[in-house]
Structures are given as structure tokens and as C-alpha cells.
Amino acid sequence: MVQIGDTIVSFDLFEKSFLCDLSACKGQCCVEGDAGAPLEKKEVHIIKKILPIIWDDLSEKAKQVIDEQGVSTVDIEGDIVTPIVNGGECVYSYTDADGNCKCAIEKAYREGKIDFYKPISCHLYPVRLAKYAGYTAVNFHSWQVCKVAFELGKVKGVAVYKFLKEPLIRRFGEDWYKELEITARELNENGYVKIAGK
């Protein structure tokens, strides 16, 4: 791991490959799992505000769950997460005409209806953040659901940190990402890591 500002970054971000292949996985990351996506406190307030805008894109079951639980819930580990339907599907997901599970929040953003892209934990996947006293750990998360993304990333030679450039900048800023790129290059040149795709 390497320290960048107040973050500790796993070498996996440099050495692992990842590239989403929605046509192959059909958005299973929005469906699989035993808990919803992690939410930051400020995101709960944002979702409350935008809920009327995305409401019509949600399934009837999702609406029922939100009516019963609210826009967020707390999982067994005590973390704030999105509610789920039938023990798996995120309440903020919808299925498009091609059978792909997508995010209704992101849909509204792309249509220019809201200025919130989607929860940062979703945007950052396969990176997961863990907050500790004094620093944030930036870790790679391997999930069988994303097997095709790992495989396509290897074929195309796309390292995790390159695939996640936009959300990493969104979360940590341009300067942090530039330092990440410099660090990756230096670690590679000195033989500490082998950048995926190189």
C-alpha cells in the first residue's frame, strides 16, 4: 500500500485490471448481494430531495420498500446503505429495454434532471473505501459478479485506477489523482508494482 495525502491506497488499484461490460453482466451489481450500496450521510439527504424526480422509474416493489424503510437503512454491520428488494435488488435500480439493470439516479442525472450522479460507492466500484482515525483506506474489492469486467480489463489492458479516473477525481480531487498517477509510474519504474496493461 502507498500513502497519498490522507489516504492509504492498495497496490491492487495499479496491478488489477477492470472494465465494465454491461452487455455481458446485465448490471448484476445492482441486484446481487445481501445488503444495499453504502451511503454517506450527506447522500441520504440528497436522495430524499431527488426521490420525487426518480420515483416513476422505480418498480412498485421498490416504492413499497421505500415507503416502509425510508430512502436508506442500516445493515448488520451498522453501515448506512440503500434499501433492497427481495433480499438483493437495490430500490433505485430499474431494467431497461435490453434487460440491463441500471441506476434510476444516474438516469435522471444523464437526462439533466438532477446534478447528483449516483452514490459515490457505486461510482467507485470495484474500489471500496474504509474510514479510520486519520486516514481513508482505498481498497480493491473482488466480486464474482464482476468476473467479466476483470477479464475484459485484462484483454483491453485497463488498470483499475485508470478505469476509475472520473469517480476517483470526484471523491478525492484532481490533485490527488495526479499524485496517484505519478505514484503509479514511480512504483512501476522502481519495480514495486507492475501496472496492469503494461
N, C-alpha and C. Protein backbone atom coordinates (compact mmCIF):
# COMPACT_ATOMS: atom_id res chain seq x y z
N MET A 1 0.85 -1.19 0.00
CA MET A 1 0.00 0.00 0.00
C MET A 1 0.88 1.24 0.00
N VAL A 2 0.31 2.35 -0.45
CA VAL A 2 1.06 3.59 -0.51
C VAL A 2 0.18 4.73 0.00
N GLN A 3 0.80 5.69 0.67
CA GLN A 3 0.04 6.82 1.22
C GLN A 3 0.03 7.98 0.23
N ILE A 4 -1.16 8.52 0.00
CA ILE A 4 -1.32 9.72 -0.81
C ILE A 4 -2.24 10.66 -0.02
N GLY A 5 -1.70 11.75 0.46
CA GLY A 5 -2.47 12.65 1.31
C GLY A 5 -2.93 11.91 2.55
N ASP A 6 -4.23 11.98 2.81
CA ASP A 6 -4.78 11.28 3.97
C ASP A 6 -5.43 9.96 3.59
N THR A 7 -4.94 9.38 2.47
CA THR A 7 -5.45 8.09 2.04
C THR A 7 -4.32 7.06 1.99
N ILE A 8 -4.70 5.80 2.18
CA ILE A 8 -3.78 4.68 2.00
C ILE A 8 -4.34 3.85 0.85
N VAL A 9 -3.59 3.77 -0.24
CA VAL A 9 -4.07 3.17 -1.47
C VAL A 9 -3.46 1.77 -1.67
N SER A 10 -4.30 0.80 -1.94
CA SER A 10 -3.85 -0.57 -2.19
C SER A 10 -3.15 -0.66 -3.55
N PHE A 11 -2.07 -1.43 -3.61
CA PHE A 11 -1.37 -1.67 -4.87
C PHE A 11 -2.28 -2.33 -5.90
N ASP A 12 -3.35 -2.96 -5.44
CA ASP A 12 -4.28 -3.63 -6.36
C ASP A 12 -4.86 -2.67 -7.38
N LEU A 13 -4.99 -1.38 -7.03
CA LEU A 13 -5.54 -0.40 -7.97
C LEU A 13 -4.64 -0.25 -9.19
N PHE A 14 -3.35 -0.51 -9.01
CA PHE A 14 -2.40 -0.42 -10.11
C PHE A 14 -2.23 -1.76 -10.84
N GLU A 15 -2.28 -2.83 -10.09
CA GLU A 15 -1.93 -4.15 -10.63
C GLU A 15 -3.12 -4.94 -11.18
N LYS A 16 -4.32 -4.63 -10.73
CA LYS A 16 -5.51 -5.35 -11.21
C LYS A 16 -6.13 -4.63 -12.41
N SER A 17 -6.83 -5.39 -13.23
CA SER A 17 -7.50 -4.84 -14.42
C SER A 17 -9.00 -4.85 -14.22
N PHE A 18 -9.69 -3.88 -14.85
CA PHE A 18 -11.16 -3.82 -14.71
C PHE A 18 -11.73 -2.96 -15.82
N LEU A 19 -12.80 -3.45 -16.43
CA LEU A 19 -13.53 -2.68 -17.43
C LEU A 19 -14.94 -3.23 -17.51
N CYS A 20 -15.91 -2.44 -17.11
CA CYS A 20 -17.30 -2.89 -17.08
C CYS A 20 -17.75 -3.38 -18.46
N ASP A 21 -18.54 -4.43 -18.46
CA ASP A 21 -19.10 -4.99 -19.69
C ASP A 21 -20.59 -5.24 -19.44
N LEU A 22 -21.37 -4.17 -19.50
CA LEU A 22 -22.79 -4.23 -19.15
C LEU A 22 -23.56 -5.21 -20.03
N SER A 23 -23.16 -5.34 -21.28
CA SER A 23 -23.87 -6.26 -22.17
C SER A 23 -23.72 -7.71 -21.73
N ALA A 24 -22.65 -7.99 -20.98
CA ALA A 24 -22.41 -9.36 -20.51
C ALA A 24 -22.98 -9.60 -19.11
N CYS A 25 -22.81 -8.64 -18.21
CA CYS A 25 -23.23 -8.86 -16.82
C CYS A 25 -24.66 -8.41 -16.55
N LYS A 26 -25.20 -7.54 -17.43
CA LYS A 26 -26.58 -7.05 -17.31
C LYS A 26 -26.81 -6.24 -16.02
N GLY A 27 -25.74 -5.71 -15.42
CA GLY A 27 -25.90 -4.86 -14.24
C GLY A 27 -26.19 -5.63 -12.97
N GLN A 28 -25.62 -6.81 -12.84
CA GLN A 28 -25.90 -7.65 -11.66
C GLN A 28 -25.41 -7.03 -10.36
N CYS A 29 -24.49 -6.07 -10.43
CA CYS A 29 -24.01 -5.43 -9.19
C CYS A 29 -25.12 -4.67 -8.49
N CYS A 30 -26.18 -4.32 -9.24
CA CYS A 30 -27.32 -3.63 -8.63
C CYS A 30 -28.35 -4.61 -8.07
N VAL A 31 -28.12 -5.90 -8.32
CA VAL A 31 -29.10 -6.91 -7.96
C VAL A 31 -28.58 -7.89 -6.91
N GLU A 32 -27.33 -8.31 -7.07
CA GLU A 32 -26.75 -9.32 -6.18
C GLU A 32 -26.31 -8.71 -4.85
N GLY A 33 -26.14 -9.59 -3.86
CA GLY A 33 -25.64 -9.14 -2.56
C GLY A 33 -26.69 -9.24 -1.48
N ASP A 34 -26.23 -9.18 -0.25
CA ASP A 34 -27.16 -9.29 0.89
C ASP A 34 -27.40 -7.96 1.59
N ALA A 35 -26.88 -6.87 1.01
CA ALA A 35 -27.10 -5.53 1.56
C ALA A 35 -27.02 -4.53 0.42
N GLY A 36 -27.56 -3.36 0.65
CA GLY A 36 -27.53 -2.32 -0.38
C GLY A 36 -26.17 -1.66 -0.49
N ALA A 37 -26.08 -0.67 -1.36
CA ALA A 37 -24.83 0.06 -1.56
C ALA A 37 -24.59 1.02 -0.40
N PRO A 38 -23.33 1.13 0.04
CA PRO A 38 -23.01 2.07 1.13
C PRO A 38 -23.37 3.51 0.74
N LEU A 39 -23.89 4.25 1.71
CA LEU A 39 -24.25 5.65 1.50
C LEU A 39 -23.53 6.53 2.53
N GLU A 40 -23.14 7.73 2.09
CA GLU A 40 -22.63 8.73 3.03
C GLU A 40 -23.83 9.50 3.55
N LYS A 41 -23.69 10.06 4.75
CA LYS A 41 -24.83 10.76 5.38
C LYS A 41 -25.39 11.85 4.49
N LYS A 42 -24.50 12.60 3.86
CA LYS A 42 -24.98 13.70 3.01
C LYS A 42 -25.77 13.18 1.81
N GLU A 43 -25.45 11.95 1.37
CA GLU A 43 -26.15 11.38 0.23
C GLU A 43 -27.58 11.00 0.58
N VAL A 44 -27.81 10.64 1.83
CA VAL A 44 -29.17 10.33 2.28
C VAL A 44 -30.07 11.54 2.09
N HIS A 45 -29.57 12.72 2.46
CA HIS A 45 -30.34 13.95 2.32
C HIS A 45 -30.58 14.28 0.84
N ILE A 46 -29.56 14.03 0.01
CA ILE A 46 -29.70 14.29 -1.42
C ILE A 46 -30.77 13.39 -2.02
N ILE A 47 -30.74 12.11 -1.66
CA ILE A 47 -31.71 11.16 -2.21
C ILE A 47 -33.13 11.52 -1.78
N LYS A 48 -33.29 11.97 -0.55
CA LYS A 48 -34.61 12.42 -0.10
C LYS A 48 -35.13 13.54 -0.99
N LYS A 49 -34.23 14.43 -1.36
CA LYS A 49 -34.59 15.59 -2.17
C LYS A 49 -34.96 15.20 -3.60
N ILE A 50 -34.22 14.24 -4.18
CA ILE A 50 -34.44 13.88 -5.59
C ILE A 50 -35.44 12.75 -5.77
N LEU A 51 -35.88 12.15 -4.68
CA LEU A 51 -36.78 11.00 -4.78
C LEU A 51 -38.01 11.25 -5.65
N PRO A 52 -38.69 12.41 -5.53
CA PRO A 52 -39.86 12.63 -6.40
C PRO A 52 -39.52 12.63 -7.89
N ILE A 53 -38.27 12.98 -8.22
CA ILE A 53 -37.86 13.05 -9.62
C ILE A 53 -37.63 11.67 -10.21
N ILE A 54 -37.11 10.74 -9.40
CA ILE A 54 -36.82 9.39 -9.91
C ILE A 54 -37.94 8.39 -9.62
N TRP A 55 -38.93 8.81 -8.86
CA TRP A 55 -39.98 7.92 -8.37
C TRP A 55 -40.63 7.07 -9.46
N ASP A 56 -40.97 7.69 -10.58
CA ASP A 56 -41.70 6.98 -11.63
C ASP A 56 -40.87 5.90 -12.33
N ASP A 57 -39.55 5.96 -12.18
CA ASP A 57 -38.68 4.95 -12.79
C ASP A 57 -38.49 3.73 -11.89
N LEU A 58 -38.96 3.80 -10.66
CA LEU A 58 -38.78 2.71 -9.72
C LEU A 58 -39.91 1.70 -9.82
N SER A 59 -39.61 0.44 -9.47
CA SER A 59 -40.62 -0.60 -9.50
C SER A 59 -41.61 -0.41 -8.35
N GLU A 60 -42.77 -1.02 -8.48
CA GLU A 60 -43.77 -0.91 -7.43
C GLU A 60 -43.26 -1.52 -6.11
N LYS A 61 -42.52 -2.62 -6.22
CA LYS A 61 -41.95 -3.24 -5.02
C LYS A 61 -40.94 -2.32 -4.36
N ALA A 62 -40.12 -1.65 -5.17
CA ALA A 62 -39.13 -0.72 -4.64
C ALA A 62 -39.82 0.44 -3.92
N LYS A 63 -40.88 0.94 -4.51
CA LYS A 63 -41.63 2.04 -3.89
C LYS A 63 -42.20 1.61 -2.54
N GLN A 64 -42.68 0.38 -2.48
CA GLN A 64 -43.23 -0.14 -1.23
C GLN A 64 -42.14 -0.24 -0.15
N VAL A 65 -40.96 -0.72 -0.54
CA VAL A 65 -39.85 -0.83 0.40
C VAL A 65 -39.45 0.55 0.92
N ILE A 66 -39.37 1.53 0.02
CA ILE A 66 -39.00 2.89 0.42
C ILE A 66 -40.06 3.47 1.35
N ASP A 67 -41.32 3.23 1.05
CA ASP A 67 -42.40 3.70 1.93
C ASP A 67 -42.27 3.10 3.33
N GLU A 68 -41.83 1.85 3.40
CA GLU A 68 -41.71 1.16 4.69
C GLU A 68 -40.41 1.48 5.43
N GLN A 69 -39.30 1.58 4.69
CA GLN A 69 -37.99 1.72 5.32
C GLN A 69 -37.37 3.11 5.21
N GLY A 70 -37.85 3.91 4.26
CA GLY A 70 -37.22 5.20 4.00
C GLY A 70 -36.21 5.08 2.87
N VAL A 71 -35.49 6.17 2.59
CA VAL A 71 -34.56 6.18 1.45
C VAL A 71 -33.25 5.46 1.76
N SER A 72 -33.03 5.15 3.04
CA SER A 72 -31.83 4.41 3.44
C SER A 72 -32.17 3.51 4.61
N THR A 73 -31.25 2.58 4.88
CA THR A 73 -31.41 1.69 6.01
C THR A 73 -30.04 1.41 6.60
N VAL A 74 -29.98 0.65 7.67
CA VAL A 74 -28.71 0.30 8.31
C VAL A 74 -28.52 -1.21 8.22
N ASP A 75 -27.36 -1.64 7.71
CA ASP A 75 -27.12 -3.07 7.56
C ASP A 75 -26.65 -3.70 8.86
N ILE A 76 -26.35 -5.00 8.83
CA ILE A 76 -25.99 -5.71 10.06
C ILE A 76 -24.65 -5.25 10.64
N GLU A 77 -23.85 -4.56 9.83
CA GLU A 77 -22.57 -4.04 10.32
C GLU A 77 -22.69 -2.61 10.83
N GLY A 78 -23.91 -2.08 10.78
CA GLY A 78 -24.13 -0.73 11.28
C GLY A 78 -23.87 0.36 10.26
N ASP A 79 -23.71 0.00 8.99
CA ASP A 79 -23.45 0.99 7.94
C ASP A 79 -24.75 1.44 7.28
N ILE A 80 -24.77 2.70 6.86
CA ILE A 80 -25.92 3.23 6.13
C ILE A 80 -25.84 2.74 4.69
N VAL A 81 -26.92 2.14 4.20
CA VAL A 81 -26.94 1.57 2.85
C VAL A 81 -28.28 1.84 2.17
N THR A 82 -28.32 1.59 0.87
CA THR A 82 -29.58 1.70 0.15
C THR A 82 -30.46 0.51 0.52
N PRO A 83 -31.77 0.70 0.64
CA PRO A 83 -32.67 -0.44 0.88
C PRO A 83 -32.65 -1.38 -0.33
N ILE A 84 -33.02 -2.62 -0.11
CA ILE A 84 -33.06 -3.59 -1.20
C ILE A 84 -34.41 -4.30 -1.27
N VAL A 85 -34.72 -4.82 -2.46
CA VAL A 85 -35.96 -5.54 -2.72
C VAL A 85 -35.65 -7.03 -2.81
N ASN A 86 -36.47 -7.82 -2.16
CA ASN A 86 -36.32 -9.29 -2.23
C ASN A 86 -34.93 -9.77 -1.86
N GLY A 87 -34.32 -9.10 -0.88
CA GLY A 87 -33.02 -9.55 -0.38
C GLY A 87 -31.85 -9.32 -1.31
N GLY A 88 -31.99 -8.45 -2.34
CA GLY A 88 -30.87 -8.25 -3.24
C GLY A 88 -30.91 -6.98 -4.07
N GLU A 89 -31.97 -6.76 -4.81
CA GLU A 89 -32.01 -5.66 -5.78
C GLU A 89 -32.14 -4.29 -5.11
N CYS A 90 -31.26 -3.37 -5.50
CA CYS A 90 -31.31 -2.00 -4.97
C CYS A 90 -32.63 -1.34 -5.36
N VAL A 91 -33.24 -0.62 -4.44
CA VAL A 91 -34.52 0.04 -4.72
C VAL A 91 -34.41 1.11 -5.80
N TYR A 92 -33.19 1.61 -6.03
CA TYR A 92 -33.00 2.69 -7.01
C TYR A 92 -32.61 2.17 -8.39
N SER A 93 -32.77 0.88 -8.60
CA SER A 93 -32.46 0.30 -9.91
C SER A 93 -33.73 0.17 -10.75
N TYR A 94 -33.51 0.05 -12.04
CA TYR A 94 -34.60 -0.22 -12.98
C TYR A 94 -34.04 -1.07 -14.11
N THR A 95 -34.89 -1.69 -14.89
CA THR A 95 -34.45 -2.53 -16.01
C THR A 95 -34.79 -1.85 -17.32
N ASP A 96 -33.78 -1.70 -18.18
CA ASP A 96 -34.01 -1.03 -19.46
C ASP A 96 -34.58 -2.01 -20.50
N ALA A 97 -34.78 -1.52 -21.71
CA ALA A 97 -35.41 -2.31 -22.77
C ALA A 97 -34.58 -3.53 -23.17
N ASP A 98 -33.28 -3.50 -22.90
CA ASP A 98 -32.40 -4.61 -23.25
C ASP A 98 -32.20 -5.59 -22.10
N GLY A 99 -32.94 -5.39 -21.01
CA GLY A 99 -32.83 -6.29 -19.87
C GLY A 99 -31.67 -6.00 -18.95
N ASN A 100 -31.05 -4.81 -19.10
CA ASN A 100 -29.95 -4.41 -18.24
C ASN A 100 -30.46 -3.69 -17.00
N CYS A 101 -29.94 -4.06 -15.86
CA CYS A 101 -30.30 -3.39 -14.61
C CYS A 101 -29.44 -2.13 -14.49
N LYS A 102 -30.08 -0.98 -14.34
CA LYS A 102 -29.36 0.29 -14.29
C LYS A 102 -29.85 1.13 -13.11
N CYS A 103 -29.16 2.23 -12.87
CA CYS A 103 -29.47 3.11 -11.75
C CYS A 103 -30.42 4.23 -12.17
N ALA A 104 -31.54 4.34 -11.49
CA ALA A 104 -32.52 5.39 -11.81
C ALA A 104 -31.97 6.78 -11.47
N ILE A 105 -31.10 6.84 -10.47
CA ILE A 105 -30.48 8.12 -10.11
C ILE A 105 -29.57 8.58 -11.24
N GLU A 106 -28.74 7.67 -11.74
CA GLU A 106 -27.84 8.01 -12.85
C GLU A 106 -28.64 8.39 -14.10
N LYS A 107 -29.74 7.70 -14.34
CA LYS A 107 -30.60 8.01 -15.49
C LYS A 107 -31.10 9.45 -15.42
N ALA A 108 -31.57 9.85 -14.24
CA ALA A 108 -32.07 11.22 -14.07
C ALA A 108 -30.94 12.24 -14.26
N TYR A 109 -29.76 11.88 -13.80
CA TYR A 109 -28.60 12.76 -13.97
C TYR A 109 -28.28 12.93 -15.46
N ARG A 110 -28.23 11.83 -16.19
CA ARG A 110 -27.89 11.88 -17.60
C ARG A 110 -28.96 12.61 -18.42
N GLU A 111 -30.18 12.61 -17.91
CA GLU A 111 -31.27 13.33 -18.59
C GLU A 111 -31.31 14.79 -18.19
N GLY A 112 -30.38 15.21 -17.31
CA GLY A 112 -30.29 16.61 -16.92
C GLY A 112 -31.32 17.04 -15.89
N LYS A 113 -31.93 16.08 -15.21
CA LYS A 113 -32.99 16.40 -14.24
C LYS A 113 -32.42 16.70 -12.85
N ILE A 114 -31.24 16.15 -12.54
CA ILE A 114 -30.61 16.35 -11.24
C ILE A 114 -29.11 16.55 -11.45
N ASP A 115 -28.42 17.07 -10.41
CA ASP A 115 -26.97 17.27 -10.53
C ASP A 115 -26.17 16.29 -9.67
N PHE A 116 -26.84 15.25 -9.19
CA PHE A 116 -26.19 14.20 -8.39
C PHE A 116 -26.07 12.96 -9.25
N TYR A 117 -24.84 12.50 -9.50
CA TYR A 117 -24.61 11.39 -10.43
C TYR A 117 -25.19 10.08 -9.92
N LYS A 118 -24.75 9.65 -8.76
CA LYS A 118 -25.23 8.47 -8.05
C LYS A 118 -24.36 8.32 -6.81
N PRO A 119 -24.71 7.45 -5.86
CA PRO A 119 -23.87 7.30 -4.67
C PRO A 119 -22.42 7.03 -5.05
N ILE A 120 -21.50 7.66 -4.36
CA ILE A 120 -20.09 7.54 -4.69
C ILE A 120 -19.60 6.10 -4.55
N SER A 121 -20.18 5.32 -3.65
CA SER A 121 -19.74 3.92 -3.51
C SER A 121 -20.03 3.12 -4.78
N CYS A 122 -21.13 3.45 -5.46
CA CYS A 122 -21.47 2.78 -6.71
C CYS A 122 -20.55 3.25 -7.83
N HIS A 123 -20.30 4.54 -7.88
CA HIS A 123 -19.46 5.13 -8.91
C HIS A 123 -18.03 4.62 -8.80
N LEU A 124 -17.56 4.36 -7.58
CA LEU A 124 -16.19 3.94 -7.34
C LEU A 124 -15.96 2.43 -7.51
N TYR A 125 -17.00 1.64 -7.60
CA TYR A 125 -16.80 0.20 -7.63
C TYR A 125 -15.95 -0.20 -8.83
N PRO A 126 -14.93 -1.09 -8.68
CA PRO A 126 -14.68 -2.06 -7.61
C PRO A 126 -13.79 -1.58 -6.44
N VAL A 127 -13.71 -0.29 -6.26
CA VAL A 127 -13.00 0.24 -5.09
C VAL A 127 -13.98 0.43 -3.96
N ARG A 128 -13.56 0.07 -2.76
CA ARG A 128 -14.34 0.31 -1.56
C ARG A 128 -13.49 1.14 -0.61
N LEU A 129 -14.12 2.11 0.04
CA LEU A 129 -13.43 2.98 0.99
C LEU A 129 -13.73 2.53 2.41
N ALA A 130 -12.72 2.60 3.26
CA ALA A 130 -12.89 2.30 4.68
C ALA A 130 -12.25 3.43 5.47
N LYS A 131 -13.02 4.07 6.32
CA LYS A 131 -12.53 5.22 7.07
C LYS A 131 -12.01 4.81 8.45
N TYR A 132 -10.83 5.29 8.75
CA TYR A 132 -10.19 5.05 10.04
C TYR A 132 -9.78 6.39 10.63
N ALA A 133 -9.31 6.37 11.86
CA ALA A 133 -8.85 7.60 12.50
C ALA A 133 -7.65 8.15 11.74
N GLY A 134 -7.84 9.29 11.10
CA GLY A 134 -6.73 9.95 10.43
C GLY A 134 -6.52 9.62 8.97
N TYR A 135 -7.17 8.58 8.46
CA TYR A 135 -6.96 8.27 7.05
C TYR A 135 -8.13 7.44 6.49
N THR A 136 -8.18 7.39 5.16
CA THR A 136 -9.16 6.57 4.45
C THR A 136 -8.43 5.52 3.63
N ALA A 137 -8.81 4.26 3.80
CA ALA A 137 -8.22 3.17 3.03
C ALA A 137 -8.96 3.06 1.70
N VAL A 138 -8.21 2.99 0.62
CA VAL A 138 -8.77 2.86 -0.72
C VAL A 138 -8.43 1.46 -1.21
N ASN A 139 -9.39 0.55 -1.11
CA ASN A 139 -9.15 -0.87 -1.35
C ASN A 139 -9.87 -1.39 -2.59
N PHE A 140 -9.31 -2.41 -3.17
CA PHE A 140 -9.91 -3.10 -4.30
C PHE A 140 -10.80 -4.23 -3.77
N HIS A 141 -12.00 -4.36 -4.34
CA HIS A 141 -12.93 -5.40 -3.92
C HIS A 141 -13.19 -6.35 -5.08
N SER A 142 -12.91 -7.61 -4.88
CA SER A 142 -13.13 -8.62 -5.93
C SER A 142 -14.47 -9.31 -5.69
N TRP A 143 -15.32 -9.33 -6.72
CA TRP A 143 -16.66 -9.90 -6.60
C TRP A 143 -16.93 -10.76 -7.84
N GLN A 144 -17.37 -11.97 -7.64
CA GLN A 144 -17.60 -12.91 -8.74
C GLN A 144 -18.55 -12.34 -9.79
N VAL A 145 -19.49 -11.51 -9.35
CA VAL A 145 -20.45 -10.89 -10.27
C VAL A 145 -19.73 -10.11 -11.37
N CYS A 146 -18.56 -9.57 -11.03
CA CYS A 146 -17.82 -8.72 -11.97
C CYS A 146 -16.71 -9.48 -12.71
N LYS A 147 -16.81 -10.78 -12.76
CA LYS A 147 -15.77 -11.60 -13.41
C LYS A 147 -15.52 -11.14 -14.84
N VAL A 148 -16.58 -10.84 -15.58
CA VAL A 148 -16.41 -10.44 -16.98
C VAL A 148 -15.68 -9.10 -17.08
N ALA A 149 -15.85 -8.24 -16.07
CA ALA A 149 -15.16 -6.94 -16.07
C ALA A 149 -13.67 -7.13 -15.82
N PHE A 150 -13.31 -8.07 -14.95
CA PHE A 150 -11.90 -8.37 -14.72
C PHE A 150 -11.27 -8.92 -16.01
N GLU A 151 -12.01 -9.80 -16.69
CA GLU A 151 -11.50 -10.42 -17.91
C GLU A 151 -11.35 -9.40 -19.03
N LEU A 152 -12.36 -8.55 -19.22
CA LEU A 152 -12.30 -7.54 -20.28
C LEU A 152 -11.19 -6.53 -19.98
N GLY A 153 -11.03 -6.18 -18.71
CA GLY A 153 -9.97 -5.26 -18.32
C GLY A 153 -8.60 -5.79 -18.69
N LYS A 154 -8.41 -7.10 -18.52
CA LYS A 154 -7.13 -7.73 -18.88
C LYS A 154 -6.92 -7.69 -20.39
N VAL A 155 -7.97 -8.00 -21.13
CA VAL A 155 -7.88 -8.01 -22.59
C VAL A 155 -7.55 -6.62 -23.12
N LYS A 156 -8.19 -5.60 -22.56
CA LYS A 156 -8.01 -4.22 -23.02
C LYS A 156 -6.83 -3.52 -22.34
N GLY A 157 -6.29 -4.13 -21.29
CA GLY A 157 -5.14 -3.54 -20.59
C GLY A 157 -5.49 -2.30 -19.80
N VAL A 158 -6.62 -2.34 -19.08
CA VAL A 158 -7.07 -1.17 -18.31
C VAL A 158 -6.91 -1.44 -16.81
N ALA A 159 -6.01 -0.72 -16.18
CA ALA A 159 -5.81 -0.84 -14.74
C ALA A 159 -7.01 -0.23 -14.00
N VAL A 160 -7.28 -0.72 -12.80
CA VAL A 160 -8.42 -0.24 -12.01
C VAL A 160 -8.39 1.28 -11.84
N TYR A 161 -7.23 1.84 -11.48
CA TYR A 161 -7.18 3.28 -11.22
C TYR A 161 -7.44 4.11 -12.48
N LYS A 162 -7.14 3.54 -13.65
CA LYS A 162 -7.43 4.25 -14.89
C LYS A 162 -8.92 4.17 -15.24
N PHE A 163 -9.51 3.00 -15.03
CA PHE A 163 -10.94 2.84 -15.27
C PHE A 163 -11.74 3.78 -14.36
N LEU A 164 -11.26 3.97 -13.15
CA LEU A 164 -11.99 4.76 -12.15
C LEU A 164 -11.53 6.22 -12.07
N LYS A 165 -10.89 6.72 -13.10
CA LYS A 165 -10.37 8.09 -13.05
C LYS A 165 -11.44 9.11 -12.66
N GLU A 166 -12.59 9.06 -13.33
CA GLU A 166 -13.66 10.04 -13.07
C GLU A 166 -14.18 9.98 -11.63
N PRO A 167 -14.58 8.82 -11.12
CA PRO A 167 -15.07 8.79 -9.74
C PRO A 167 -13.98 9.06 -8.69
N LEU A 168 -12.74 8.67 -8.96
CA LEU A 168 -11.67 8.96 -8.02
C LEU A 168 -11.43 10.47 -7.92
N ILE A 169 -11.50 11.15 -9.05
CA ILE A 169 -11.39 12.62 -9.04
C ILE A 169 -12.60 13.22 -8.35
N ARG A 170 -13.77 12.67 -8.60
CA ARG A 170 -14.98 13.17 -7.94
C ARG A 170 -14.84 13.08 -6.42
N ARG A 171 -14.27 11.99 -5.94
CA ARG A 171 -14.17 11.78 -4.49
C ARG A 171 -12.98 12.48 -3.85
N PHE A 172 -11.82 12.45 -4.53
CA PHE A 172 -10.60 12.95 -3.90
C PHE A 172 -10.01 14.21 -4.55
N GLY A 173 -10.44 14.55 -5.75
CA GLY A 173 -9.96 15.76 -6.41
C GLY A 173 -8.89 15.51 -7.47
N GLU A 174 -8.72 16.52 -8.35
CA GLU A 174 -7.76 16.43 -9.45
C GLU A 174 -6.32 16.26 -8.97
N ASP A 175 -5.93 17.05 -7.97
CA ASP A 175 -4.55 17.00 -7.47
C ASP A 175 -4.21 15.62 -6.91
N TRP A 176 -5.16 15.05 -6.17
CA TRP A 176 -4.95 13.72 -5.60
C TRP A 176 -4.74 12.71 -6.72
N TYR A 177 -5.56 12.80 -7.77
CA TYR A 177 -5.45 11.82 -8.85
C TYR A 177 -4.13 11.98 -9.61
N LYS A 178 -3.70 13.23 -9.80
CA LYS A 178 -2.41 13.45 -10.46
C LYS A 178 -1.28 12.83 -9.66
N GLU A 179 -1.36 12.96 -8.33
CA GLU A 179 -0.35 12.34 -7.47
C GLU A 179 -0.44 10.82 -7.56
N LEU A 180 -1.64 10.29 -7.68
CA LEU A 180 -1.82 8.85 -7.84
C LEU A 180 -1.14 8.37 -9.12
N GLU A 181 -1.30 9.11 -10.22
CA GLU A 181 -0.67 8.74 -11.48
C GLU A 181 0.85 8.77 -11.38
N ILE A 182 1.37 9.80 -10.74
CA ILE A 182 2.83 9.91 -10.56
C ILE A 182 3.34 8.76 -9.71
N THR A 183 2.61 8.46 -8.64
CA THR A 183 2.99 7.37 -7.74
C THR A 183 2.99 6.04 -8.48
N ALA A 184 1.96 5.81 -9.28
CA ALA A 184 1.87 4.56 -10.05
C ALA A 184 3.07 4.43 -10.98
N ARG A 185 3.41 5.50 -11.66
CA ARG A 185 4.54 5.46 -12.59
C ARG A 185 5.86 5.18 -11.85
N GLU A 186 6.06 5.87 -10.72
CA GLU A 186 7.30 5.67 -9.96
C GLU A 186 7.39 4.27 -9.38
N LEU A 187 6.28 3.76 -8.86
CA LEU A 187 6.28 2.40 -8.30
C LEU A 187 6.58 1.37 -9.39
N ASN A 188 6.03 1.61 -10.59
CA ASN A 188 6.25 0.70 -11.71
C ASN A 188 7.72 0.75 -12.15
N GLU A 189 8.26 1.96 -12.27
CA GLU A 189 9.65 2.12 -12.73
C GLU A 189 10.64 1.51 -11.76
N ASN A 190 10.30 1.54 -10.47
CA ASN A 190 11.20 1.01 -9.45
C ASN A 190 10.94 -0.46 -9.11
N GLY A 191 10.00 -1.06 -9.83
CA GLY A 191 9.76 -2.49 -9.68
C GLY A 191 8.92 -2.90 -8.48
N TYR A 192 8.24 -1.93 -7.85
CA TYR A 192 7.40 -2.27 -6.68
C TYR A 192 6.03 -2.81 -7.11
N VAL A 193 5.55 -2.32 -8.25
CA VAL A 193 4.29 -2.83 -8.81
C VAL A 193 4.45 -3.01 -10.31
N LYS A 194 3.59 -3.83 -10.88
CA LYS A 194 3.53 -3.96 -12.34
C LYS A 194 2.16 -3.45 -12.76
N ILE A 195 2.14 -2.30 -13.41
CA ILE A 195 0.88 -1.69 -13.81
C ILE A 195 0.15 -2.60 -14.79
N ALA A 196 -1.10 -2.87 -14.52
CA ALA A 196 -1.92 -3.70 -15.41
C ALA A 196 -1.96 -3.09 -16.80
N GLY A 197 -1.76 -3.94 -17.80
CA GLY A 197 -1.82 -3.47 -19.18
C GLY A 197 -0.49 -3.05 -19.74
N LYS A 198 0.54 -2.99 -18.89
CA LYS A 198 1.87 -2.56 -19.38
C LYS A 198 2.80 -3.73 -19.54
